[in-house]
């Protein structure tokens, strides 16, 4: 546990009583983001029931502290506990919805400005959810992909993934030892390199069956590189 604290930048810890005196704090941009998150959480609490608000805050804002314990147990029993934390999957779905939505206005706007707007919106959402390693990885990959399309250049997926890892480690070398960094990258490496070989093993004739089989091949690709 000491090594884990050290990787998180924590060198010392102590135990305090319940009588804590607030001395002062210089506000930063993170404080403004946190206040905005708190306002959104209050909106969920006001509009939804306690159980539904907890799930909504976990799915949309990455705030899982208010999720009902019985709900967590139910998600855990079905193997979907990861859904209650904003991850790369959420960013991928959000970015695709953005591109599809803005794609309706291609008659009025050029594709490049739409892609730049989508990049900015996705980064704002990532900052709002706390910039976890899996979210940052997904956002950087999305940014690299869109920039490549804007410039008219495409690179192999593994090269983009390595560039993404390099950027993240350049800003925070300690994230190399974070399980939230290791598992998503290994899962994506498995998908990039083993999904298509697995998909070619069976070639359904019907489009629906091909779609189901293609998405089914993603699951075993996650476990090619176990930790």
C-alpha atoms as a PDB file:
ATOM      1  CA  UNK A   1       0.000   0.000   0.000  1.00  0.00           C
ATOM      2  CA  UNK A   2       2.918   2.332   0.685  1.00  0.00           C
ATOM      3  CA  UNK A   3       4.185   1.969  -2.886  1.00  0.00           C
ATOM      4  CA  UNK A   4       0.685   2.677  -4.202  1.00  0.00           C
ATOM      5  CA  UNK A   5       0.519   5.888  -2.151  1.00  0.00           C
ATOM      6  CA  UNK A   6       3.972   6.854  -3.410  1.00  0.00           C
ATOM      7  CA  UNK A   7       2.894   6.417  -7.042  1.00  0.00           C
ATOM      8  CA  UNK A   8      -0.079   8.682  -6.310  1.00  0.00           C
ATOM      9  CA  UNK A   9       2.270  11.383  -5.029  1.00  0.00           C
ATOM     10  CA  UNK A  10       1.373  10.840  -1.362  1.00  0.00           C
ATOM     11  CA  UNK A  11       4.457  10.758   0.869  1.00  0.00           C
ATOM     12  CA  UNK A  12       2.946  11.116   4.360  1.00  0.00           C
ATOM     13  CA  UNK A  13      -0.415  10.598   5.993  1.00  0.00           C
ATOM     14  CA  UNK A  14      -1.857  11.304   9.397  1.00  0.00           C
ATOM     15  CA  UNK A  15      -5.108  10.896  11.274  1.00  0.00           C
ATOM     16  CA  UNK A  16      -7.121  13.973  12.274  1.00  0.00           C
ATOM     17  CA  UNK A  17      -9.918  14.442  14.740  1.00  0.00           C
ATOM     18  CA  UNK A  18     -13.344  15.692  13.720  1.00  0.00           C
ATOM     19  CA  UNK A  19     -12.343  19.234  14.689  1.00  0.00           C
ATOM     20  CA  UNK A  20     -10.740  20.571  11.502  1.00  0.00           C
ATOM     21  CA  UNK A  21     -10.107  24.267  10.985  1.00  0.00           C
ATOM     22  CA  UNK A  22     -10.318  25.560   7.418  1.00  0.00           C
ATOM     23  CA  UNK A  23      -7.253  27.753   6.812  1.00  0.00           C
ATOM     24  CA  UNK A  24      -7.781  28.790   3.213  1.00  0.00           C
ATOM     25  CA  UNK A  25      -7.369  27.634  -0.349  1.00  0.00           C
ATOM     26  CA  UNK A  26      -6.304  29.374  -3.531  1.00  0.00           C
ATOM     27  CA  UNK A  27      -9.028  28.666  -6.120  1.00  0.00           C
ATOM     28  CA  UNK A  28      -7.979  26.927  -9.340  1.00  0.00           C
ATOM     29  CA  UNK A  29      -9.751  25.922 -12.541  1.00  0.00           C
ATOM     30  CA  UNK A  30     -10.408  22.509 -11.012  1.00  0.00           C
ATOM     31  CA  UNK A  31     -12.447  24.180  -8.270  1.00  0.00           C
ATOM     32  CA  UNK A  32     -14.641  25.855 -10.895  1.00  0.00           C
ATOM     33  CA  UNK A  33     -15.170  22.513 -12.629  1.00  0.00           C
ATOM     34  CA  UNK A  34     -16.050  20.897  -9.305  1.00  0.00           C
ATOM     35  CA  UNK A  35     -18.604  23.623  -8.547  1.00  0.00           C
ATOM     36  CA  UNK A  36     -20.183  23.090 -11.945  1.00  0.00           C
ATOM     37  CA  UNK A  37     -20.308  19.328 -11.296  1.00  0.00           C
ATOM     38  CA  UNK A  38     -21.992  20.006  -7.956  1.00  0.00           C
ATOM     39  CA  UNK A  39     -24.649  22.122  -9.669  1.00  0.00           C
ATOM     40  CA  UNK A  40     -25.352  19.352 -12.169  1.00  0.00           C
ATOM     41  CA  UNK A  41     -25.569  16.826  -9.338  1.00  0.00           C
ATOM     42  CA  UNK A  42     -28.123  19.032  -7.565  1.00  0.00           C
ATOM     43  CA  UNK A  43     -30.197  19.157 -10.754  1.00  0.00           C
ATOM     44  CA  UNK A  44     -30.221  15.355 -10.903  1.00  0.00           C
ATOM     45  CA  UNK A  45     -31.149  15.163  -7.210  1.00  0.00           C
ATOM     46  CA  UNK A  46     -34.020  17.610  -7.748  1.00  0.00           C
ATOM     47  CA  UNK A  47     -35.436  16.046 -10.916  1.00  0.00           C
ATOM     48  CA  UNK A  48     -34.958  12.335 -10.163  1.00  0.00           C
ATOM     49  CA  UNK A  49     -35.461   9.949  -7.287  1.00  0.00           C
ATOM     50  CA  UNK A  50     -32.484   9.154  -5.065  1.00  0.00           C
ATOM     51  CA  UNK A  51     -31.807   5.798  -6.737  1.00  0.00           C
ATOM     52  CA  UNK A  52     -32.164   7.142 -10.286  1.00  0.00           C
ATOM     53  CA  UNK A  53     -30.111  10.254  -9.514  1.00  0.00           C
ATOM     54  CA  UNK A  54     -27.236   8.129  -8.205  1.00  0.00           C
ATOM     55  CA  UNK A  55     -27.172   6.055 -11.396  1.00  0.00           C
ATOM     56  CA  UNK A  56     -27.451   9.149 -13.617  1.00  0.00           C
ATOM     57  CA  UNK A  57     -24.561  10.872 -11.848  1.00  0.00           C
ATOM     58  CA  UNK A  58     -22.422   7.745 -12.173  1.00  0.00           C
ATOM     59  CA  UNK A  59     -23.191   7.229 -15.864  1.00  0.00           C
ATOM     60  CA  UNK A  60     -22.896  10.853 -16.974  1.00  0.00           C
ATOM     61  CA  UNK A  61     -20.505  12.509 -14.507  1.00  0.00           C
ATOM     62  CA  UNK A  62     -18.467   9.638 -13.088  1.00  0.00           C
ATOM     63  CA  UNK A  63     -19.757  10.401  -9.577  1.00  0.00           C
ATOM     64  CA  UNK A  64     -20.505   6.945  -8.158  1.00  0.00           C
ATOM     65  CA  UNK A  65     -20.481   7.794  -4.437  1.00  0.00           C
ATOM     66  CA  UNK A  66     -24.284   8.207  -4.370  1.00  0.00           C
ATOM     67  CA  UNK A  67     -25.128   4.944  -6.140  1.00  0.00           C
ATOM     68  CA  UNK A  68     -27.333   2.730  -4.010  1.00  0.00           C
ATOM     69  CA  UNK A  69     -25.376  -0.278  -2.598  1.00  0.00           C
ATOM     70  CA  UNK A  70     -28.046  -2.709  -3.787  1.00  0.00           C
ATOM     71  CA  UNK A  71     -27.770  -1.215  -7.271  1.00  0.00           C
ATOM     72  CA  UNK A  72     -23.986  -1.651  -7.211  1.00  0.00           C
ATOM     73  CA  UNK A  73     -24.453  -5.269  -6.147  1.00  0.00           C
ATOM     74  CA  UNK A  74     -26.885  -5.858  -9.017  1.00  0.00           C
ATOM     75  CA  UNK A  75     -24.496  -4.370 -11.588  1.00  0.00           C
ATOM     76  CA  UNK A  76     -21.616  -6.364 -10.111  1.00  0.00           C
ATOM     77  CA  UNK A  77     -23.602  -9.617 -10.267  1.00  0.00           C
ATOM     78  CA  UNK A  78     -24.291  -9.082 -13.971  1.00  0.00           C
ATOM     79  CA  UNK A  79     -20.655  -8.185 -14.717  1.00  0.00           C
ATOM     80  CA  UNK A  80     -21.551  -4.616 -15.712  1.00  0.00           C
ATOM     81  CA  UNK A  81     -20.104  -2.730 -12.742  1.00  0.00           C
ATOM     82  CA  UNK A  82     -17.751  -0.852 -15.091  1.00  0.00           C
ATOM     83  CA  UNK A  83     -20.783   0.904 -16.589  1.00  0.00           C
ATOM     84  CA  UNK A  84     -21.123   2.919 -13.361  1.00  0.00           C
ATOM     85  CA  UNK A  85     -17.843   4.719 -14.045  1.00  0.00           C
ATOM     86  CA  UNK A  86     -17.221   6.985 -17.011  1.00  0.00           C
ATOM     87  CA  UNK A  87     -14.699   5.168 -19.187  1.00  0.00           C
ATOM     88  CA  UNK A  88     -13.455   4.991 -22.745  1.00  0.00           C
ATOM     89  CA  UNK A  89     -16.662   3.242 -23.786  1.00  0.00           C
ATOM     90  CA  UNK A  90     -18.717   6.252 -22.702  1.00  0.00           C
ATOM     91  CA  UNK A  91     -16.402   8.627 -24.568  1.00  0.00           C
ATOM     92  CA  UNK A  92     -16.594   6.485 -27.710  1.00  0.00           C
ATOM     93  CA  UNK A  93     -20.406   6.486 -27.632  1.00  0.00           C
ATOM     94  CA  UNK A  94     -20.547  10.203 -26.838  1.00  0.00           C
ATOM     95  CA  UNK A  95     -18.132  11.109 -29.654  1.00  0.00           C
ATOM     96  CA  UNK A  96     -20.028   8.991 -32.190  1.00  0.00           C
ATOM     97  CA  UNK A  97     -23.307  10.613 -31.203  1.00  0.00           C
ATOM     98  CA  UNK A  98     -21.697  14.024 -31.628  1.00  0.00           C
ATOM     99  CA  UNK A  99     -20.399  13.184 -35.090  1.00  0.00           C
ATOM    100  CA  UNK A 100     -23.754  11.767 -36.154  1.00  0.00           C
ATOM    101  CA  UNK A 101     -25.607  14.798 -34.792  1.00  0.00           C
ATOM    102  CA  UNK A 102     -23.316  17.350 -36.411  1.00  0.00           C
ATOM    103  CA  UNK A 103     -23.311  15.267 -39.583  1.00  0.00           C
ATOM    104  CA  UNK A 104     -26.899  16.378 -40.160  1.00  0.00           C
ATOM    105  CA  UNK A 105     -25.596  19.900 -40.778  1.00  0.00           C
ATOM    106  CA  UNK A 106     -22.931  19.034 -43.360  1.00  0.00           C
ATOM    107  CA  UNK A 107     -24.970  20.889 -45.973  1.00  0.00           C
ATOM    108  CA  UNK A 108     -24.433  24.113 -44.059  1.00  0.00           C
ATOM    109  CA  UNK A 109     -20.958  23.562 -42.544  1.00  0.00           C
ATOM    110  CA  UNK A 110     -17.760  22.042 -43.777  1.00  0.00           C
ATOM    111  CA  UNK A 111     -16.614  18.757 -42.249  1.00  0.00           C
ATOM    112  CA  UNK A 112     -13.385  20.137 -40.752  1.00  0.00           C
ATOM    113  CA  UNK A 113     -15.045  22.765 -38.487  1.00  0.00           C
ATOM    114  CA  UNK A 114     -17.502  20.122 -37.290  1.00  0.00           C
ATOM    115  CA  UNK A 115     -14.629  17.798 -36.358  1.00  0.00           C
ATOM    116  CA  UNK A 116     -12.831  20.581 -34.470  1.00  0.00           C
ATOM    117  CA  UNK A 117     -16.012  21.418 -32.551  1.00  0.00           C
ATOM    118  CA  UNK A 118     -16.471  17.739 -31.676  1.00  0.00           C
ATOM    119  CA  UNK A 119     -12.890  17.547 -30.385  1.00  0.00           C
ATOM    120  CA  UNK A 120     -13.440  20.576 -28.138  1.00  0.00           C
ATOM    121  CA  UNK A 121     -16.768  19.270 -26.821  1.00  0.00           C
ATOM    122  CA  UNK A 122     -15.319  15.832 -26.045  1.00  0.00           C
ATOM    123  CA  UNK A 123     -12.368  17.369 -24.174  1.00  0.00           C
ATOM    124  CA  UNK A 124     -14.734  19.568 -22.156  1.00  0.00           C
ATOM    125  CA  UNK A 125     -16.753  16.498 -21.215  1.00  0.00           C
ATOM    126  CA  UNK A 126     -13.589  14.608 -20.240  1.00  0.00           C
ATOM    127  CA  UNK A 127     -12.539  17.485 -17.959  1.00  0.00           C
ATOM    128  CA  UNK A 128     -16.017  17.549 -16.438  1.00  0.00           C
ATOM    129  CA  UNK A 129     -15.845  13.830 -15.586  1.00  0.00           C
ATOM    130  CA  UNK A 130     -12.457  14.065 -13.858  1.00  0.00           C
ATOM    131  CA  UNK A 131      -9.928  13.040 -16.547  1.00  0.00           C
ATOM    132  CA  UNK A 132      -9.482   9.423 -15.500  1.00  0.00           C
ATOM    133  CA  UNK A 133      -6.739   7.528 -17.438  1.00  0.00           C
ATOM    134  CA  UNK A 134      -9.226   5.491 -19.488  1.00  0.00           C
ATOM    135  CA  UNK A 135     -11.164   8.635 -20.425  1.00  0.00           C
ATOM    136  CA  UNK A 136      -7.983  10.548 -21.350  1.00  0.00           C
ATOM    137  CA  UNK A 137      -6.818   7.622 -23.477  1.00  0.00           C
ATOM    138  CA  UNK A 138     -10.100   7.519 -25.371  1.00  0.00           C
ATOM    139  CA  UNK A 139     -10.215  11.296 -25.878  1.00  0.00           C
ATOM    140  CA  UNK A 140      -6.626  11.456 -27.132  1.00  0.00           C
ATOM    141  CA  UNK A 141      -7.285   8.580 -29.539  1.00  0.00           C
ATOM    142  CA  UNK A 142     -10.387  10.364 -30.820  1.00  0.00           C
ATOM    143  CA  UNK A 143      -8.413  13.607 -31.194  1.00  0.00           C
ATOM    144  CA  UNK A 144      -5.581  11.916 -33.110  1.00  0.00           C
ATOM    145  CA  UNK A 145      -8.072  10.177 -35.390  1.00  0.00           C
ATOM    146  CA  UNK A 146      -9.937  13.393 -36.185  1.00  0.00           C
ATOM    147  CA  UNK A 147      -6.733  15.380 -36.722  1.00  0.00           C
ATOM    148  CA  UNK A 148      -5.510  12.671 -39.097  1.00  0.00           C
ATOM    149  CA  UNK A 149      -8.743  12.905 -41.091  1.00  0.00           C
ATOM    150  CA  UNK A 150      -8.537  16.712 -41.174  1.00  0.00           C
ATOM    151  CA  UNK A 151      -4.982  16.532 -42.516  1.00  0.00           C
ATOM    152  CA  UNK A 152      -5.894  13.729 -44.900  1.00  0.00           C
ATOM    153  CA  UNK A 153      -3.459  11.283 -43.334  1.00  0.00           C
ATOM    154  CA  UNK A 154      -4.046   7.962 -41.618  1.00  0.00           C
ATOM    155  CA  UNK A 155      -1.623   6.004 -39.454  1.00  0.00           C
ATOM    156  CA  UNK A 156      -1.775   2.398 -38.222  1.00  0.00           C
ATOM    157  CA  UNK A 157      -3.946   2.006 -35.141  1.00  0.00           C
ATOM    158  CA  UNK A 158      -1.065   0.687 -33.046  1.00  0.00           C
ATOM    159  CA  UNK A 159       0.996   3.779 -33.883  1.00  0.00           C
ATOM    160  CA  UNK A 160      -1.847   6.035 -32.723  1.00  0.00           C
ATOM    161  CA  UNK A 161      -2.145   4.007 -29.518  1.00  0.00           C
ATOM    162  CA  UNK A 162       1.593   4.325 -28.848  1.00  0.00           C
ATOM    163  CA  UNK A 163       1.433   8.066 -29.494  1.00  0.00           C
ATOM    164  CA  UNK A 164      -1.485   8.292 -27.070  1.00  0.00           C
ATOM    165  CA  UNK A 165       0.492   6.423 -24.379  1.00  0.00           C
ATOM    166  CA  UNK A 166       3.526   8.644 -24.976  1.00  0.00           C
ATOM    167  CA  UNK A 167       1.467  11.824 -24.549  1.00  0.00           C
ATOM    168  CA  UNK A 168      -0.109  10.581 -21.333  1.00  0.00           C
ATOM    169  CA  UNK A 169       3.208   9.448 -19.847  1.00  0.00           C
ATOM    170  CA  UNK A 170       4.877  12.708 -20.855  1.00  0.00           C
ATOM    171  CA  UNK A 171       2.384  14.657 -18.722  1.00  0.00           C
ATOM    172  CA  UNK A 172       2.056  12.104 -15.913  1.00  0.00           C
ATOM    173  CA  UNK A 173       4.740   9.363 -15.791  1.00  0.00           C
ATOM    174  CA  UNK A 174       3.228   7.868 -12.628  1.00  0.00           C
ATOM    175  CA  UNK A 175       0.098   6.822 -14.499  1.00  0.00           C
ATOM    176  CA  UNK A 176       2.153   3.930 -15.940  1.00  0.00           C
ATOM    177  CA  UNK A 177       1.625   2.162 -12.610  1.00  0.00           C
ATOM    178  CA  UNK A 178      -2.106   2.937 -12.482  1.00  0.00           C
ATOM    179  CA  UNK A 179      -4.350  -0.040 -13.217  1.00  0.00           C
ATOM    180  CA  UNK A 180      -6.761   2.408 -14.862  1.00  0.00           C
ATOM    181  CA  UNK A 181      -3.997   3.097 -17.407  1.00  0.00           C
ATOM    182  CA  UNK A 182      -2.767  -0.465 -17.907  1.00  0.00           C
ATOM    183  CA  UNK A 183      -6.036  -2.349 -18.413  1.00  0.00           C
ATOM    184  CA  UNK A 184      -7.637  -0.012 -21.015  1.00  0.00           C
ATOM    185  CA  UNK A 185      -4.465   0.069 -23.114  1.00  0.00           C
ATOM    186  CA  UNK A 186      -4.074  -3.717 -23.017  1.00  0.00           C
ATOM    187  CA  UNK A 187      -7.738  -4.138 -23.911  1.00  0.00           C
ATOM    188  CA  UNK A 188      -7.415  -1.784 -26.896  1.00  0.00           C
ATOM    189  CA  UNK A 189      -4.222  -3.543 -28.055  1.00  0.00           C
ATOM    190  CA  UNK A 190      -6.134  -6.824 -27.974  1.00  0.00           C
ATOM    191  CA  UNK A 191      -9.022  -5.347 -29.973  1.00  0.00           C
ATOM    192  CA  UNK A 192      -6.764  -3.746 -32.582  1.00  0.00           C
ATOM    193  CA  UNK A 193      -4.692  -6.874 -33.196  1.00  0.00           C
ATOM    194  CA  UNK A 194      -7.034  -9.812 -32.605  1.00  0.00           C
ATOM    195  CA  UNK A 195     -10.574  -8.726 -33.403  1.00  0.00           C
ATOM    196  CA  UNK A 196     -10.216  -9.043 -37.179  1.00  0.00           C
ATOM    197  CA  UNK A 197      -8.442 -12.475 -37.086  1.00  0.00           C
ATOM    198  CA  UNK A 198     -11.205 -13.769 -34.805  1.00  0.00           C
ATOM    199  CA  UNK A 199     -13.857 -12.218 -37.040  1.00  0.00           C
ATOM    200  CA  UNK A 200     -12.463 -14.010 -40.121  1.00  0.00           C
ATOM    201  CA  UNK A 201     -12.886 -17.429 -38.479  1.00  0.00           C
ATOM    202  CA  UNK A 202     -16.619 -17.301 -39.180  1.00  0.00           C
ATOM    203  CA  UNK A 203     -18.190 -15.435 -42.080  1.00  0.00           C
ATOM    204  CA  UNK A 204     -21.975 -15.197 -41.699  1.00  0.00           C
ATOM    205  CA  UNK A 205     -23.845 -14.409 -44.886  1.00  0.00           C
ATOM    206  CA  UNK A 206     -26.595 -12.271 -43.402  1.00  0.00           C
ATOM    207  CA  UNK A 207     -25.763  -8.660 -42.489  1.00  0.00           C
ATOM    208  CA  UNK A 208     -27.387  -8.894 -39.073  1.00  0.00           C
ATOM    209  CA  UNK A 209     -25.414 -12.025 -38.180  1.00  0.00           C
ATOM    210  CA  UNK A 210     -22.196 -10.410 -39.426  1.00  0.00           C
ATOM    211  CA  UNK A 211     -22.876  -7.365 -37.251  1.00  0.00           C
ATOM    212  CA  UNK A 212     -23.552  -9.526 -34.174  1.00  0.00           C
ATOM    213  CA  UNK A 213     -20.464 -11.684 -34.793  1.00  0.00           C
ATOM    214  CA  UNK A 214     -18.237  -8.646 -35.378  1.00  0.00           C
ATOM    215  CA  UNK A 215     -19.243  -7.099 -32.054  1.00  0.00           C
ATOM    216  CA  UNK A 216     -19.029 -10.441 -30.275  1.00  0.00           C
ATOM    217  CA  UNK A 217     -15.372 -10.765 -31.317  1.00  0.00           C
ATOM    218  CA  UNK A 218     -14.549  -7.651 -29.303  1.00  0.00           C
ATOM    219  CA  UNK A 219     -15.172  -9.437 -25.993  1.00  0.00           C
ATOM    220  CA  UNK A 220     -12.499 -12.200 -26.274  1.00  0.00           C
ATOM    221  CA  UNK A 221     -10.079  -9.635 -27.709  1.00  0.00           C
ATOM    222  CA  UNK A 222     -10.105  -7.883 -24.318  1.00  0.00           C
ATOM    223  CA  UNK A 223      -8.562 -10.902 -22.627  1.00  0.00           C
ATOM    224  CA  UNK A 224      -5.681 -11.656 -25.008  1.00  0.00           C
ATOM    225  CA  UNK A 225      -3.272  -9.677 -22.747  1.00  0.00           C
ATOM    226  CA  UNK A 226      -4.189 -10.527 -19.155  1.00  0.00           C
ATOM    227  CA  UNK A 227      -2.412  -8.741 -16.258  1.00  0.00           C
END
